[in-house]
Amino acid sequence: MRSQSLPILCLVISIPFLVVGCSSNNKGKIEGTKWASKAGKVEDEKVKAGQLILEFGEEGALRAIAFDAIVLGKYSLGAGDKVTMEFSDEVMGEKSHRARISIDGDTLTFSDSSGSLEFTRKK
């Protein structure tokens, strides 16, 4: 009987470590924040400083202002730096976007298949 319970015990002990290992690096950093783009490039299009705005609400609400258009949606935090965004309208040809977002102080770095762009925290 003892040899059968050992694998179950190992599994039970391992589960909390799996959960901790899959947590978001952005939890507690992104909620309730607003960000303005720095000058850069998205695909082949130049972006001026402040031309893109990202607002992450407390309850997963998302608002993006891109090239004078306002798009609403929801975001969810994934493991590590992964963030999934679901918009009400298409943004760059798609309603769903998966990105890597890393936050270091007042700088947010947004990376996806179209490239990488930095944002500055707005007060």
N, C-alpha and C. Protein backbone atom coordinates (compact mmCIF):
# COMPACT_ATOMS: atom_id res chain seq x y z
N MET A 1 0.83 -1.19 0.00
CA MET A 1 0.00 0.00 0.00
C MET A 1 0.88 1.26 0.00
N ARG A 2 1.98 1.21 0.68
CA ARG A 2 2.86 2.37 0.80
C ARG A 2 3.40 2.81 -0.56
N SER A 3 3.78 1.90 -1.42
CA SER A 3 4.35 2.24 -2.72
C SER A 3 3.32 2.89 -3.64
N GLN A 4 2.04 2.59 -3.49
CA GLN A 4 1.00 3.20 -4.32
C GLN A 4 0.72 4.64 -3.91
N SER A 5 0.82 4.95 -2.66
CA SER A 5 0.50 6.30 -2.18
C SER A 5 1.64 7.28 -2.43
N LEU A 6 2.85 6.82 -2.65
CA LEU A 6 3.99 7.70 -2.87
C LEU A 6 3.82 8.56 -4.14
N PRO A 7 3.43 8.00 -5.31
CA PRO A 7 3.23 8.86 -6.48
C PRO A 7 2.14 9.90 -6.28
N ILE A 8 1.07 9.55 -5.58
CA ILE A 8 -0.01 10.50 -5.32
C ILE A 8 0.50 11.63 -4.43
N LEU A 9 1.29 11.30 -3.42
CA LEU A 9 1.85 12.31 -2.53
C LEU A 9 2.76 13.26 -3.31
N CYS A 10 3.58 12.70 -4.19
CA CYS A 10 4.47 13.55 -5.00
C CYS A 10 3.66 14.50 -5.88
N LEU A 11 2.57 14.03 -6.46
CA LEU A 11 1.71 14.86 -7.30
C LEU A 11 1.09 15.99 -6.48
N VAL A 12 0.59 15.68 -5.31
CA VAL A 12 -0.04 16.69 -4.45
C VAL A 12 0.96 17.74 -4.03
N ILE A 13 2.18 17.35 -3.75
CA ILE A 13 3.22 18.30 -3.36
C ILE A 13 3.62 19.17 -4.54
N SER A 14 3.62 18.62 -5.76
CA SER A 14 4.06 19.33 -6.96
C SER A 14 3.07 20.37 -7.44
N ILE A 15 1.78 20.18 -7.23
CA ILE A 15 0.76 21.08 -7.77
C ILE A 15 0.96 22.53 -7.36
N PRO A 16 1.21 22.87 -6.08
CA PRO A 16 1.42 24.29 -5.75
C PRO A 16 2.59 24.92 -6.49
N PHE A 17 3.65 24.13 -6.76
CA PHE A 17 4.78 24.68 -7.48
C PHE A 17 4.44 24.95 -8.94
N LEU A 18 3.60 24.15 -9.55
CA LEU A 18 3.15 24.38 -10.92
C LEU A 18 2.32 25.65 -11.01
N VAL A 19 1.46 25.87 -10.07
CA VAL A 19 0.61 27.06 -10.05
C VAL A 19 1.46 28.31 -9.89
N VAL A 20 2.41 28.29 -8.98
CA VAL A 20 3.28 29.43 -8.76
C VAL A 20 4.12 29.70 -10.00
N GLY A 21 4.59 28.65 -10.67
CA GLY A 21 5.43 28.79 -11.85
C GLY A 21 4.69 29.38 -13.03
N CYS A 22 3.38 29.37 -13.03
CA CYS A 22 2.59 29.86 -14.17
C CYS A 22 1.99 31.24 -13.91
N SER A 23 2.39 31.91 -12.88
CA SER A 23 1.77 33.20 -12.56
C SER A 23 2.27 34.30 -13.50
N SER A 24 1.51 35.37 -13.57
CA SER A 24 1.83 36.49 -14.44
C SER A 24 2.85 37.42 -13.80
N ASN A 25 3.80 37.87 -14.60
CA ASN A 25 4.76 38.88 -14.13
C ASN A 25 4.10 40.26 -14.04
N ASN A 26 2.93 40.42 -14.67
CA ASN A 26 2.26 41.72 -14.73
C ASN A 26 1.19 41.92 -13.66
N LYS A 27 0.87 40.87 -12.92
CA LYS A 27 -0.16 40.97 -11.88
C LYS A 27 0.25 42.04 -10.86
N GLY A 28 -0.65 42.99 -10.63
CA GLY A 28 -0.37 44.08 -9.69
C GLY A 28 0.40 45.24 -10.29
N LYS A 29 0.89 45.11 -11.52
CA LYS A 29 1.63 46.19 -12.18
C LYS A 29 0.83 46.86 -13.28
N ILE A 30 -0.07 46.10 -13.92
CA ILE A 30 -0.73 46.59 -15.13
C ILE A 30 -2.14 47.13 -14.87
N GLU A 31 -2.80 46.58 -13.86
CA GLU A 31 -4.19 46.95 -13.58
C GLU A 31 -4.30 48.43 -13.21
N GLY A 32 -5.25 49.13 -13.84
CA GLY A 32 -5.48 50.54 -13.53
C GLY A 32 -4.41 51.48 -14.05
N THR A 33 -3.70 51.09 -15.12
CA THR A 33 -2.64 51.95 -15.65
C THR A 33 -2.99 52.44 -17.05
N LYS A 34 -2.30 53.52 -17.43
CA LYS A 34 -2.49 54.14 -18.75
C LYS A 34 -1.10 54.41 -19.32
N TRP A 35 -0.91 54.08 -20.61
CA TRP A 35 0.40 54.16 -21.24
C TRP A 35 0.33 54.88 -22.57
N ALA A 36 1.34 55.69 -22.88
CA ALA A 36 1.45 56.39 -24.17
C ALA A 36 2.69 55.90 -24.89
N SER A 37 2.56 55.67 -26.18
CA SER A 37 3.68 55.14 -26.97
C SER A 37 4.81 56.13 -27.06
N LYS A 38 6.01 55.58 -27.12
CA LYS A 38 7.19 56.36 -27.49
C LYS A 38 7.27 56.30 -29.01
N ALA A 39 8.06 57.16 -29.62
CA ALA A 39 8.23 57.13 -31.08
C ALA A 39 8.85 55.79 -31.47
N GLY A 40 8.36 55.22 -32.55
CA GLY A 40 8.88 53.93 -32.99
C GLY A 40 8.24 53.51 -34.30
N LYS A 41 8.20 52.19 -34.53
CA LYS A 41 7.67 51.66 -35.77
C LYS A 41 6.89 50.39 -35.46
N VAL A 42 5.69 50.26 -36.05
CA VAL A 42 4.88 49.05 -35.96
C VAL A 42 4.71 48.55 -37.38
N GLU A 43 5.22 47.35 -37.65
CA GLU A 43 5.32 46.83 -39.01
C GLU A 43 6.06 47.86 -39.84
N ASP A 44 5.45 48.42 -40.86
CA ASP A 44 6.14 49.43 -41.68
C ASP A 44 5.63 50.84 -41.42
N GLU A 45 4.84 51.02 -40.38
CA GLU A 45 4.22 52.30 -40.11
C GLU A 45 4.92 53.00 -38.93
N LYS A 46 5.30 54.25 -39.14
CA LYS A 46 5.93 55.02 -38.08
C LYS A 46 4.89 55.42 -37.05
N VAL A 47 5.28 55.38 -35.79
CA VAL A 47 4.41 55.77 -34.68
C VAL A 47 5.07 56.96 -33.99
N LYS A 48 4.29 58.03 -33.85
CA LYS A 48 4.78 59.21 -33.13
C LYS A 48 4.60 59.00 -31.64
N ALA A 49 5.37 59.72 -30.86
CA ALA A 49 5.23 59.66 -29.41
C ALA A 49 3.81 60.07 -29.03
N GLY A 50 3.13 59.27 -28.23
CA GLY A 50 1.78 59.57 -27.77
C GLY A 50 0.68 59.22 -28.76
N GLN A 51 1.02 58.68 -29.91
CA GLN A 51 0.02 58.36 -30.93
C GLN A 51 -0.82 57.15 -30.56
N LEU A 52 -0.26 56.24 -29.78
CA LEU A 52 -0.99 55.07 -29.30
C LEU A 52 -1.12 55.16 -27.79
N ILE A 53 -2.32 54.90 -27.30
CA ILE A 53 -2.58 54.92 -25.86
C ILE A 53 -3.20 53.57 -25.48
N LEU A 54 -2.71 52.98 -24.40
CA LEU A 54 -3.28 51.75 -23.86
C LEU A 54 -3.72 52.01 -22.43
N GLU A 55 -4.97 51.66 -22.12
CA GLU A 55 -5.50 51.80 -20.76
C GLU A 55 -5.97 50.43 -20.29
N PHE A 56 -5.38 49.95 -19.20
CA PHE A 56 -5.73 48.65 -18.62
C PHE A 56 -6.53 48.88 -17.35
N GLY A 57 -7.82 48.54 -17.38
CA GLY A 57 -8.70 48.74 -16.23
C GLY A 57 -8.48 47.69 -15.16
N GLU A 58 -9.06 47.94 -14.01
CA GLU A 58 -8.93 47.04 -12.86
C GLU A 58 -9.57 45.68 -13.09
N GLU A 59 -10.68 45.64 -13.80
CA GLU A 59 -11.45 44.40 -13.97
C GLU A 59 -11.26 43.77 -15.35
N GLY A 60 -10.10 43.98 -15.97
CA GLY A 60 -9.84 43.39 -17.28
C GLY A 60 -10.34 44.22 -18.45
N ALA A 61 -10.86 45.42 -18.17
CA ALA A 61 -11.32 46.29 -19.26
C ALA A 61 -10.10 46.88 -19.96
N LEU A 62 -10.20 47.02 -21.27
CA LEU A 62 -9.10 47.54 -22.08
C LEU A 62 -9.64 48.61 -23.02
N ARG A 63 -8.89 49.69 -23.13
CA ARG A 63 -9.23 50.76 -24.07
C ARG A 63 -7.95 51.12 -24.80
N ALA A 64 -8.01 51.10 -26.11
CA ALA A 64 -6.86 51.47 -26.94
C ALA A 64 -7.24 52.63 -27.84
N ILE A 65 -6.37 53.61 -27.90
CA ILE A 65 -6.55 54.73 -28.82
C ILE A 65 -5.39 54.61 -29.80
N ALA A 66 -5.73 54.31 -31.04
CA ALA A 66 -4.71 54.09 -32.06
C ALA A 66 -5.03 54.91 -33.29
N PHE A 67 -4.13 55.83 -33.61
CA PHE A 67 -4.30 56.66 -34.81
C PHE A 67 -5.68 57.32 -34.81
N ASP A 68 -6.07 57.90 -33.67
CA ASP A 68 -7.31 58.64 -33.47
C ASP A 68 -8.58 57.80 -33.43
N ALA A 69 -8.47 56.49 -33.42
CA ALA A 69 -9.63 55.60 -33.28
C ALA A 69 -9.62 54.98 -31.88
N ILE A 70 -10.78 54.91 -31.26
CA ILE A 70 -10.89 54.30 -29.93
C ILE A 70 -11.48 52.91 -30.08
N VAL A 71 -10.81 51.92 -29.50
CA VAL A 71 -11.27 50.54 -29.56
C VAL A 71 -11.33 50.00 -28.13
N LEU A 72 -12.47 49.41 -27.78
CA LEU A 72 -12.65 48.84 -26.45
C LEU A 72 -12.47 47.33 -26.49
N GLY A 73 -12.16 46.76 -25.34
CA GLY A 73 -11.99 45.32 -25.28
C GLY A 73 -11.72 44.84 -23.86
N LYS A 74 -11.18 43.65 -23.78
CA LYS A 74 -10.83 43.01 -22.51
C LYS A 74 -9.42 42.46 -22.62
N TYR A 75 -8.74 42.37 -21.48
CA TYR A 75 -7.43 41.74 -21.46
C TYR A 75 -7.40 40.69 -20.35
N SER A 76 -6.56 39.70 -20.54
CA SER A 76 -6.34 38.71 -19.49
C SER A 76 -4.85 38.42 -19.41
N LEU A 77 -4.39 38.23 -18.19
CA LEU A 77 -2.97 37.98 -17.95
C LEU A 77 -2.69 36.49 -18.05
N GLY A 78 -1.63 36.15 -18.74
CA GLY A 78 -1.19 34.77 -18.86
C GLY A 78 0.08 34.55 -18.07
N ALA A 79 0.71 33.43 -18.30
CA ALA A 79 1.96 33.10 -17.61
C ALA A 79 3.08 34.03 -18.04
N GLY A 80 3.92 34.37 -17.12
CA GLY A 80 5.06 35.24 -17.43
C GLY A 80 4.61 36.60 -17.91
N ASP A 81 5.10 37.00 -19.08
CA ASP A 81 4.78 38.31 -19.65
C ASP A 81 3.63 38.26 -20.66
N LYS A 82 2.98 37.12 -20.80
CA LYS A 82 1.93 36.97 -21.82
C LYS A 82 0.63 37.67 -21.42
N VAL A 83 0.06 38.40 -22.37
CA VAL A 83 -1.21 39.08 -22.18
C VAL A 83 -2.06 38.84 -23.44
N THR A 84 -3.31 38.44 -23.24
CA THR A 84 -4.24 38.26 -24.35
C THR A 84 -5.23 39.41 -24.34
N MET A 85 -5.43 40.01 -25.51
CA MET A 85 -6.35 41.14 -25.65
C MET A 85 -7.42 40.79 -26.67
N GLU A 86 -8.67 41.00 -26.29
CA GLU A 86 -9.82 40.76 -27.18
C GLU A 86 -10.51 42.11 -27.39
N PHE A 87 -10.49 42.59 -28.64
CA PHE A 87 -11.08 43.89 -28.95
C PHE A 87 -12.46 43.73 -29.57
N SER A 88 -13.29 44.76 -29.43
CA SER A 88 -14.63 44.76 -30.02
C SER A 88 -14.57 44.94 -31.54
N ASP A 89 -13.56 45.61 -32.03
CA ASP A 89 -13.34 45.82 -33.46
C ASP A 89 -11.93 45.34 -33.82
N GLU A 90 -11.71 45.16 -35.10
CA GLU A 90 -10.40 44.70 -35.54
C GLU A 90 -9.33 45.76 -35.30
N VAL A 91 -8.19 45.29 -34.83
CA VAL A 91 -7.00 46.12 -34.67
C VAL A 91 -5.90 45.40 -35.45
N MET A 92 -5.36 46.06 -36.45
CA MET A 92 -4.35 45.45 -37.32
C MET A 92 -4.86 44.14 -37.92
N GLY A 93 -6.14 44.14 -38.33
CA GLY A 93 -6.71 43.00 -39.04
C GLY A 93 -7.25 41.87 -38.18
N GLU A 94 -7.15 41.98 -36.86
CA GLU A 94 -7.62 40.92 -35.98
C GLU A 94 -8.26 41.50 -34.73
N LYS A 95 -9.22 40.76 -34.18
CA LYS A 95 -9.85 41.16 -32.91
C LYS A 95 -9.10 40.62 -31.71
N SER A 96 -8.41 39.51 -31.87
CA SER A 96 -7.68 38.88 -30.76
C SER A 96 -6.19 39.04 -30.98
N HIS A 97 -5.50 39.48 -29.93
CA HIS A 97 -4.04 39.67 -30.00
C HIS A 97 -3.40 39.05 -28.77
N ARG A 98 -2.29 38.38 -29.00
CA ARG A 98 -1.47 37.87 -27.90
C ARG A 98 -0.14 38.59 -27.97
N ALA A 99 0.28 39.10 -26.83
CA ALA A 99 1.51 39.88 -26.80
C ALA A 99 2.31 39.54 -25.55
N ARG A 100 3.56 39.95 -25.58
CA ARG A 100 4.40 39.91 -24.39
C ARG A 100 4.51 41.35 -23.91
N ILE A 101 4.13 41.56 -22.67
CA ILE A 101 4.21 42.89 -22.09
C ILE A 101 5.07 42.80 -20.85
N SER A 102 6.14 43.59 -20.86
CA SER A 102 6.99 43.66 -19.66
C SER A 102 6.98 45.09 -19.16
N ILE A 103 6.90 45.22 -17.85
CA ILE A 103 6.85 46.54 -17.21
C ILE A 103 8.04 46.68 -16.30
N ASP A 104 8.80 47.75 -16.53
CA ASP A 104 9.95 48.08 -15.69
C ASP A 104 9.81 49.54 -15.30
N GLY A 105 9.33 49.77 -14.08
CA GLY A 105 9.10 51.14 -13.62
C GLY A 105 8.03 51.81 -14.45
N ASP A 106 8.38 52.92 -15.11
CA ASP A 106 7.43 53.68 -15.92
C ASP A 106 7.54 53.37 -17.40
N THR A 107 8.16 52.23 -17.74
CA THR A 107 8.28 51.81 -19.14
C THR A 107 7.61 50.46 -19.34
N LEU A 108 6.74 50.40 -20.34
CA LEU A 108 6.08 49.16 -20.74
C LEU A 108 6.60 48.82 -22.13
N THR A 109 7.06 47.59 -22.30
CA THR A 109 7.49 47.12 -23.61
C THR A 109 6.47 46.12 -24.13
N PHE A 110 5.91 46.41 -25.29
CA PHE A 110 4.87 45.61 -25.92
C PHE A 110 5.50 44.93 -27.12
N SER A 111 5.47 43.60 -27.15
CA SER A 111 6.04 42.84 -28.26
C SER A 111 5.03 41.82 -28.76
N ASP A 112 4.87 41.78 -30.09
CA ASP A 112 4.04 40.74 -30.72
C ASP A 112 4.63 40.45 -32.09
N SER A 113 3.87 39.77 -32.93
CA SER A 113 4.38 39.37 -34.24
C SER A 113 4.70 40.55 -35.15
N SER A 114 4.15 41.74 -34.86
CA SER A 114 4.42 42.91 -35.70
C SER A 114 5.67 43.67 -35.26
N GLY A 115 6.24 43.31 -34.12
CA GLY A 115 7.43 43.99 -33.63
C GLY A 115 7.33 44.35 -32.17
N SER A 116 8.10 45.35 -31.79
CA SER A 116 8.16 45.76 -30.39
C SER A 116 8.06 47.28 -30.31
N LEU A 117 7.36 47.76 -29.28
CA LEU A 117 7.20 49.20 -29.09
C LEU A 117 7.19 49.50 -27.61
N GLU A 118 7.85 50.58 -27.22
CA GLU A 118 7.87 50.99 -25.82
C GLU A 118 6.82 52.06 -25.55
N PHE A 119 6.29 52.03 -24.33
CA PHE A 119 5.31 53.00 -23.86
C PHE A 119 5.79 53.60 -22.55
N THR A 120 5.33 54.81 -22.27
CA THR A 120 5.63 55.50 -21.01
C THR A 120 4.35 55.61 -20.21
N ARG A 121 4.45 55.38 -18.90
CA ARG A 121 3.29 55.48 -18.01
C ARG A 121 2.77 56.92 -17.99
N LYS A 122 1.44 57.04 -18.12
CA LYS A 122 0.79 58.36 -18.00
C LYS A 122 0.21 58.47 -16.60
N LYS A 123 0.34 59.60 -16.01
CA LYS A 123 -0.18 59.83 -14.65
C LYS A 123 -1.63 60.21 -14.69
